[in-house]
Amino acid sequence: MTTTVKCPHCSKPVEWKSENKYRPFCCERCKMIDLGAWAAEEHKIPGASQYDDLMSESLDDPNYK
């Protein structure tokens, strides 16, 4: 019995087996669309970022703590 999951992008059923090199995605296209969404920061992991208030000019300021 093979486990079946839904493709995270298109929701097609995907068999979870080692022969499926794109799992959990159904195909390379869905995998690349998801990768592009992460690169464009469309997906985010919830939580507070440590560096939200840190600006690049602060890195060069010797008085910044």
PDB file of N, CA and C in Angstrom:
ATOM      1  N   MET A   1       0.842  -1.182   0.000  1.00  0.00           N
ATOM      2  CA  MET A   1       0.000   0.000   0.000  1.00  0.00           C
ATOM      3  C   MET A   1       0.889   1.248   0.000  1.00  0.00           C
ATOM      4  N   THR A   2       0.692   2.122  -0.978  1.00  0.00           N
ATOM      5  CA  THR A   2       1.488   3.330  -1.117  1.00  0.00           C
ATOM      6  C   THR A   2       0.739   4.525  -0.543  1.00  0.00           C
ATOM      7  N   THR A   3       1.437   5.366   0.189  1.00  0.00           N
ATOM      8  CA  THR A   3       0.845   6.576   0.728  1.00  0.00           C
ATOM      9  C   THR A   3       0.649   7.585  -0.397  1.00  0.00           C
ATOM     10  N   THR A   4      -0.471   8.258  -0.377  1.00  0.00           N
ATOM     11  CA  THR A   4      -0.764   9.288  -1.365  1.00  0.00           C
ATOM     12  C   THR A   4      -0.947  10.614  -0.648  1.00  0.00           C
ATOM     13  N   VAL A   5      -0.306  11.660  -1.174  1.00  0.00           N
ATOM     14  CA  VAL A   5      -0.430  13.015  -0.629  1.00  0.00           C
ATOM     15  C   VAL A   5      -0.892  13.941  -1.750  1.00  0.00           C
ATOM     16  N   LYS A   6      -1.326  15.135  -1.381  1.00  0.00           N
ATOM     17  CA  LYS A   6      -1.708  16.124  -2.380  1.00  0.00           C
ATOM     18  C   LYS A   6      -0.501  16.989  -2.720  1.00  0.00           C
ATOM     19  N   CYS A   7      -0.318  17.287  -3.993  1.00  0.00           N
ATOM     20  CA  CYS A   7       0.730  18.207  -4.423  1.00  0.00           C
ATOM     21  C   CYS A   7       0.474  19.553  -3.741  1.00  0.00           C
ATOM     22  N   PRO A   8       1.480  20.142  -3.099  1.00  0.00           N
ATOM     23  CA  PRO A   8       1.292  21.413  -2.403  1.00  0.00           C
ATOM     24  C   PRO A   8       0.877  22.566  -3.330  1.00  0.00           C
ATOM     25  N   HIS A   9       1.161  22.442  -4.607  1.00  0.00           N
ATOM     26  CA  HIS A   9       0.812  23.531  -5.516  1.00  0.00           C
ATOM     27  C   HIS A   9      -0.544  23.327  -6.183  1.00  0.00           C
ATOM     28  N   CYS A  10      -0.768  22.179  -6.812  1.00  0.00           N
ATOM     29  CA  CYS A  10      -1.986  21.985  -7.614  1.00  0.00           C
ATOM     30  C   CYS A  10      -2.995  21.019  -6.987  1.00  0.00           C
ATOM     31  N   SER A  11      -2.621  20.389  -5.896  1.00  0.00           N
ATOM     32  CA  SER A  11      -3.485  19.451  -5.154  1.00  0.00           C
ATOM     33  C   SER A  11      -3.757  18.133  -5.864  1.00  0.00           C
ATOM     34  N   LYS A  12      -3.020  17.809  -6.921  1.00  0.00           N
ATOM     35  CA  LYS A  12      -3.160  16.499  -7.554  1.00  0.00           C
ATOM     36  C   LYS A  12      -2.667  15.426  -6.590  1.00  0.00           C
ATOM     37  N   PRO A  13      -3.233  14.240  -6.640  1.00  0.00           N
ATOM     38  CA  PRO A  13      -2.724  13.159  -5.795  1.00  0.00           C
ATOM     39  C   PRO A  13      -1.334  12.704  -6.264  1.00  0.00           C
ATOM     40  N   VAL A  14      -0.442  12.505  -5.310  1.00  0.00           N
ATOM     41  CA  VAL A  14       0.940  12.109  -5.601  1.00  0.00           C
ATOM     42  C   VAL A  14       1.278  10.894  -4.748  1.00  0.00           C
ATOM     43  N   GLU A  15       1.782   9.854  -5.382  1.00  0.00           N
ATOM     44  CA  GLU A  15       2.223   8.677  -4.625  1.00  0.00           C
ATOM     45  C   GLU A  15       3.572   8.992  -3.979  1.00  0.00           C
ATOM     46  N   TRP A  16       3.663   8.739  -2.687  1.00  0.00           N
ATOM     47  CA  TRP A  16       4.885   8.999  -1.929  1.00  0.00           C
ATOM     48  C   TRP A  16       5.769   7.764  -2.013  1.00  0.00           C
ATOM     49  N   LYS A  17       6.624   7.745  -3.025  1.00  0.00           N
ATOM     50  CA  LYS A  17       7.544   6.621  -3.201  1.00  0.00           C
ATOM     51  C   LYS A  17       8.858   7.145  -3.750  1.00  0.00           C
ATOM     52  N   SER A  18       9.914   6.393  -3.558  1.00  0.00           N
ATOM     53  CA  SER A  18      11.260   6.847  -3.919  1.00  0.00           C
ATOM     54  C   SER A  18      11.427   7.097  -5.411  1.00  0.00           C
ATOM     55  N   GLU A  19      10.638   6.466  -6.241  1.00  0.00           N
ATOM     56  CA  GLU A  19      10.751   6.674  -7.682  1.00  0.00           C
ATOM     57  C   GLU A  19      10.258   8.058  -8.106  1.00  0.00           C
ATOM     58  N   ASN A  20       9.446   8.687  -7.286  1.00  0.00           N
ATOM     59  CA  ASN A  20       8.925  10.013  -7.595  1.00  0.00           C
ATOM     60  C   ASN A  20       9.947  11.059  -7.143  1.00  0.00           C
ATOM     61  N   LYS A  21      10.773  11.520  -8.059  1.00  0.00           N
ATOM     62  CA  LYS A  21      11.861  12.434  -7.692  1.00  0.00           C
ATOM     63  C   LYS A  21      11.386  13.845  -7.368  1.00  0.00           C
ATOM     64  N   TYR A  22      10.126  14.169  -7.636  1.00  0.00           N
ATOM     65  CA  TYR A  22       9.610  15.509  -7.350  1.00  0.00           C
ATOM     66  C   TYR A  22       8.759  15.568  -6.088  1.00  0.00           C
ATOM     67  N   ARG A  23       8.608  14.446  -5.392  1.00  0.00           N
ATOM     68  CA  ARG A  23       7.733  14.430  -4.229  1.00  0.00           C
ATOM     69  C   ARG A  23       8.115  15.512  -3.233  1.00  0.00           C
ATOM     70  N   PRO A  24       7.254  16.179  -2.606  1.00  0.00           N
ATOM     71  CA  PRO A  24       5.816  15.974  -2.552  1.00  0.00           C
ATOM     72  C   PRO A  24       5.058  16.594  -3.735  1.00  0.00           C
ATOM     73  N   PHE A  25       5.778  17.131  -4.703  1.00  0.00           N
ATOM     74  CA  PHE A  25       5.138  17.738  -5.864  1.00  0.00           C
ATOM     75  C   PHE A  25       4.844  16.677  -6.920  1.00  0.00           C
ATOM     76  N   CYS A  26       3.897  16.986  -7.803  1.00  0.00           N
ATOM     77  CA  CYS A  26       3.528  16.017  -8.834  1.00  0.00           C
ATOM     78  C   CYS A  26       4.478  16.075 -10.026  1.00  0.00           C
ATOM     79  N   CYS A  27       5.139  17.216 -10.231  1.00  0.00           N
ATOM     80  CA  CYS A  27       6.012  17.363 -11.389  1.00  0.00           C
ATOM     81  C   CYS A  27       7.032  18.475 -11.134  1.00  0.00           C
ATOM     82  N   GLU A  28       7.988  18.595 -12.035  1.00  0.00           N
ATOM     83  CA  GLU A  28       9.023  19.625 -11.894  1.00  0.00           C
ATOM     84  C   GLU A  28       8.416  21.022 -11.944  1.00  0.00           C
ATOM     85  N   ARG A  29       7.394  21.220 -12.772  1.00  0.00           N
ATOM     86  CA  ARG A  29       6.770  22.530 -12.900  1.00  0.00           C
ATOM     87  C   ARG A  29       6.236  23.020 -11.554  1.00  0.00           C
ATOM     88  N   CYS A  30       5.479  22.181 -10.853  1.00  0.00           N
ATOM     89  CA  CYS A  30       4.935  22.569  -9.543  1.00  0.00           C
ATOM     90  C   CYS A  30       6.059  22.826  -8.542  1.00  0.00           C
ATOM     91  N   LYS A  31       7.101  22.033  -8.608  1.00  0.00           N
ATOM     92  CA  LYS A  31       8.245  22.207  -7.721  1.00  0.00           C
ATOM     93  C   LYS A  31       8.915  23.560  -7.957  1.00  0.00           C
ATOM     94  N   MET A  32       9.107  23.932  -9.215  1.00  0.00           N
ATOM     95  CA  MET A  32       9.764  25.192  -9.550  1.00  0.00           C
ATOM     96  C   MET A  32       8.881  26.405  -9.231  1.00  0.00           C
ATOM     97  N   ILE A  33       7.580  26.272  -9.400  1.00  0.00           N
ATOM     98  CA  ILE A  33       6.667  27.356  -9.025  1.00  0.00           C
ATOM     99  C   ILE A  33       6.760  27.613  -7.529  1.00  0.00           C
ATOM    100  N   ASP A  34       6.795  26.542  -6.740  1.00  0.00           N
ATOM    101  CA  ASP A  34       6.910  26.683  -5.286  1.00  0.00           C
ATOM    102  C   ASP A  34       8.257  27.295  -4.898  1.00  0.00           C
ATOM    103  N   LEU A  35       9.322  26.873  -5.544  1.00  0.00           N
ATOM    104  CA  LEU A  35      10.647  27.434  -5.263  1.00  0.00           C
ATOM    105  C   LEU A  35      10.661  28.939  -5.570  1.00  0.00           C
ATOM    106  N   GLY A  36      10.059  29.318  -6.685  1.00  0.00           N
ATOM    107  CA  GLY A  36       9.977  30.735  -7.044  1.00  0.00           C
ATOM    108  C   GLY A  36       9.190  31.540  -6.029  1.00  0.00           C
ATOM    109  N   ALA A  37       8.138  30.948  -5.482  1.00  0.00           N
ATOM    110  CA  ALA A  37       7.341  31.642  -4.466  1.00  0.00           C
ATOM    111  C   ALA A  37       8.156  31.871  -3.196  1.00  0.00           C
ATOM    112  N   TRP A  38       8.963  30.897  -2.804  1.00  0.00           N
ATOM    113  CA  TRP A  38       9.841  31.081  -1.638  1.00  0.00           C
ATOM    114  C   TRP A  38      10.880  32.162  -1.930  1.00  0.00           C
ATOM    115  N   ALA A  39      11.463  32.144  -3.129  1.00  0.00           N
ATOM    116  CA  ALA A  39      12.488  33.137  -3.495  1.00  0.00           C
ATOM    117  C   ALA A  39      11.903  34.542  -3.534  1.00  0.00           C
ATOM    118  N   ALA A  40      10.642  34.667  -3.918  1.00  0.00           N
ATOM    119  CA  ALA A  40       9.977  35.970  -3.965  1.00  0.00           C
ATOM    120  C   ALA A  40       9.386  36.358  -2.601  1.00  0.00           C
ATOM    121  N   GLU A  41       9.654  35.547  -1.597  1.00  0.00           N
ATOM    122  CA  GLU A  41       9.171  35.754  -0.230  1.00  0.00           C
ATOM    123  C   GLU A  41       7.651  35.778  -0.137  1.00  0.00           C
ATOM    124  N   GLU A  42       6.998  34.995  -0.992  1.00  0.00           N
ATOM    125  CA  GLU A  42       5.549  34.858  -0.916  1.00  0.00           C
ATOM    126  C   GLU A  42       5.152  33.887   0.196  1.00  0.00           C
ATOM    127  N   HIS A  43       6.058  32.981   0.547  1.00  0.00           N
ATOM    128  CA  HIS A  43       5.857  32.059   1.671  1.00  0.00           C
ATOM    129  C   HIS A  43       6.781  32.529   2.783  1.00  0.00           C
ATOM    130  N   LYS A  44       6.269  32.528   3.989  1.00  0.00           N
ATOM    131  CA  LYS A  44       7.100  32.912   5.132  1.00  0.00           C
ATOM    132  C   LYS A  44       6.820  31.972   6.292  1.00  0.00           C
ATOM    133  N   ILE A  45       7.833  31.720   7.076  1.00  0.00           N
ATOM    134  CA  ILE A  45       7.688  30.916   8.279  1.00  0.00           C
ATOM    135  C   ILE A  45       7.258  31.882   9.378  1.00  0.00           C
ATOM    136  N   PRO A  46       6.130  31.601  10.069  1.00  0.00           N
ATOM    137  CA  PRO A  46       5.639  32.532  11.085  1.00  0.00           C
ATOM    138  C   PRO A  46       6.610  32.686  12.238  1.00  0.00           C
ATOM    139  N   GLY A  47       6.623  33.871  12.794  1.00  0.00           N
ATOM    140  CA  GLY A  47       7.468  34.159  13.938  1.00  0.00           C
ATOM    141  C   GLY A  47       8.159  35.489  13.765  1.00  0.00           C
ATOM    142  N   ALA A  48       8.728  35.981  14.830  1.00  0.00           N
ATOM    143  CA  ALA A  48       9.413  37.270  14.809  1.00  0.00           C
ATOM    144  C   ALA A  48      10.822  37.088  14.251  1.00  0.00           C
ATOM    145  N   SER A  49      11.196  37.952  13.365  1.00  0.00           N
ATOM    146  CA  SER A  49      12.541  37.922  12.811  1.00  0.00           C
ATOM    147  C   SER A  49      13.494  38.614  13.770  1.00  0.00           C
ATOM    148  N   GLN A  50      14.681  38.085  13.911  1.00  0.00           N
ATOM    149  CA  GLN A  50      15.681  38.691  14.792  1.00  0.00           C
ATOM    150  C   GLN A  50      16.219  39.987  14.209  1.00  0.00           C
ATOM    151  N   TYR A  51      16.155  40.140  12.925  1.00  0.00           N
ATOM    152  CA  TYR A  51      16.857  41.232  12.271  1.00  0.00           C
ATOM    153  C   TYR A  51      15.942  42.253  11.610  1.00  0.00           C
ATOM    154  N   ASP A  52      14.667  42.299  11.970  1.00  0.00           N
ATOM    155  CA  ASP A  52      13.744  43.250  11.354  1.00  0.00           C
ATOM    156  C   ASP A  52      14.177  44.696  11.545  1.00  0.00           C
ATOM    157  N   ASP A  53      14.704  45.026  12.705  1.00  0.00           N
ATOM    158  CA  ASP A  53      15.053  46.420  12.981  1.00  0.00           C
ATOM    159  C   ASP A  53      16.512  46.747  12.644  1.00  0.00           C
ATOM    160  N   LEU A  54      17.260  45.810  12.190  1.00  0.00           N
ATOM    161  CA  LEU A  54      18.665  46.025  11.861  1.00  0.00           C
ATOM    162  C   LEU A  54      18.799  46.498  10.419  1.00  0.00           C
ATOM    163  N   MET A  55      19.357  47.671  10.244  1.00  0.00           N
ATOM    164  CA  MET A  55      19.571  48.230   8.915  1.00  0.00           C
ATOM    165  C   MET A  55      21.043  48.047   8.551  1.00  0.00           C
ATOM    166  N   SER A  56      21.338  47.949   7.285  1.00  0.00           N
ATOM    167  CA  SER A  56      22.716  47.698   6.867  1.00  0.00           C
ATOM    168  C   SER A  56      23.669  48.796   7.325  1.00  0.00           C
ATOM    169  N   GLU A  57      23.192  50.060   7.380  1.00  0.00           N
ATOM    170  CA  GLU A  57      24.091  51.132   7.835  1.00  0.00           C
ATOM    171  C   GLU A  57      24.436  50.978   9.319  1.00  0.00           C
ATOM    172  N   SER A  58      23.598  50.262  10.082  1.00  0.00           N
ATOM    173  CA  SER A  58      23.884  50.022  11.497  1.00  0.00           C
ATOM    174  C   SER A  58      25.080  49.098  11.672  1.00  0.00           C
ATOM    175  N   LEU A  59      25.343  48.259  10.691  1.00  0.00           N
ATOM    176  CA  LEU A  59      26.457  47.314  10.778  1.00  0.00           C
ATOM    177  C   LEU A  59      27.802  48.034  10.779  1.00  0.00           C
ATOM    178  N   ASP A  60      27.863  49.210  10.122  1.00  0.00           N
ATOM    179  CA  ASP A  60      29.110  49.962  10.045  1.00  0.00           C
ATOM    180  C   ASP A  60      29.279  50.948  11.203  1.00  0.00           C
ATOM    181  N   ASP A  61      28.243  51.123  12.023  1.00  0.00           N
ATOM    182  CA  ASP A  61      28.295  52.068  13.145  1.00  0.00           C
ATOM    183  C   ASP A  61      28.963  51.403  14.339  1.00  0.00           C
ATOM    184  N   PRO A  62      30.122  51.887  14.763  1.00  0.00           N
ATOM    185  CA  PRO A  62      30.824  51.262  15.901  1.00  0.00           C
ATOM    186  C   PRO A  62      30.067  51.409  17.209  1.00  0.00           C
ATOM    187  N   ASN A  63      29.116  52.359  17.295  1.00  0.00           N
ATOM    188  CA  ASN A  63      28.348  52.589  18.527  1.00  0.00           C
ATOM    189  C   ASN A  63      27.062  51.745  18.567  1.00  0.00           C
ATOM    190  N   TYR A  64      26.755  51.037  17.485  1.00  0.00           N
ATOM    191  CA  TYR A  64      25.533  50.233  17.457  1.00  0.00           C
ATOM    192  C   TYR A  64      25.710  49.005  18.323  1.00  0.00           C
ATOM    193  N   LYS A  65      24.723  48.742  19.170  1.00  0.00           N
ATOM    194  CA  LYS A  65      24.792  47.581  20.061  1.00  0.00           C
ATOM    195  C   LYS A  65      23.669  46.649  19.766  1.00  0.00           C
TER     196      LYS A  65
END
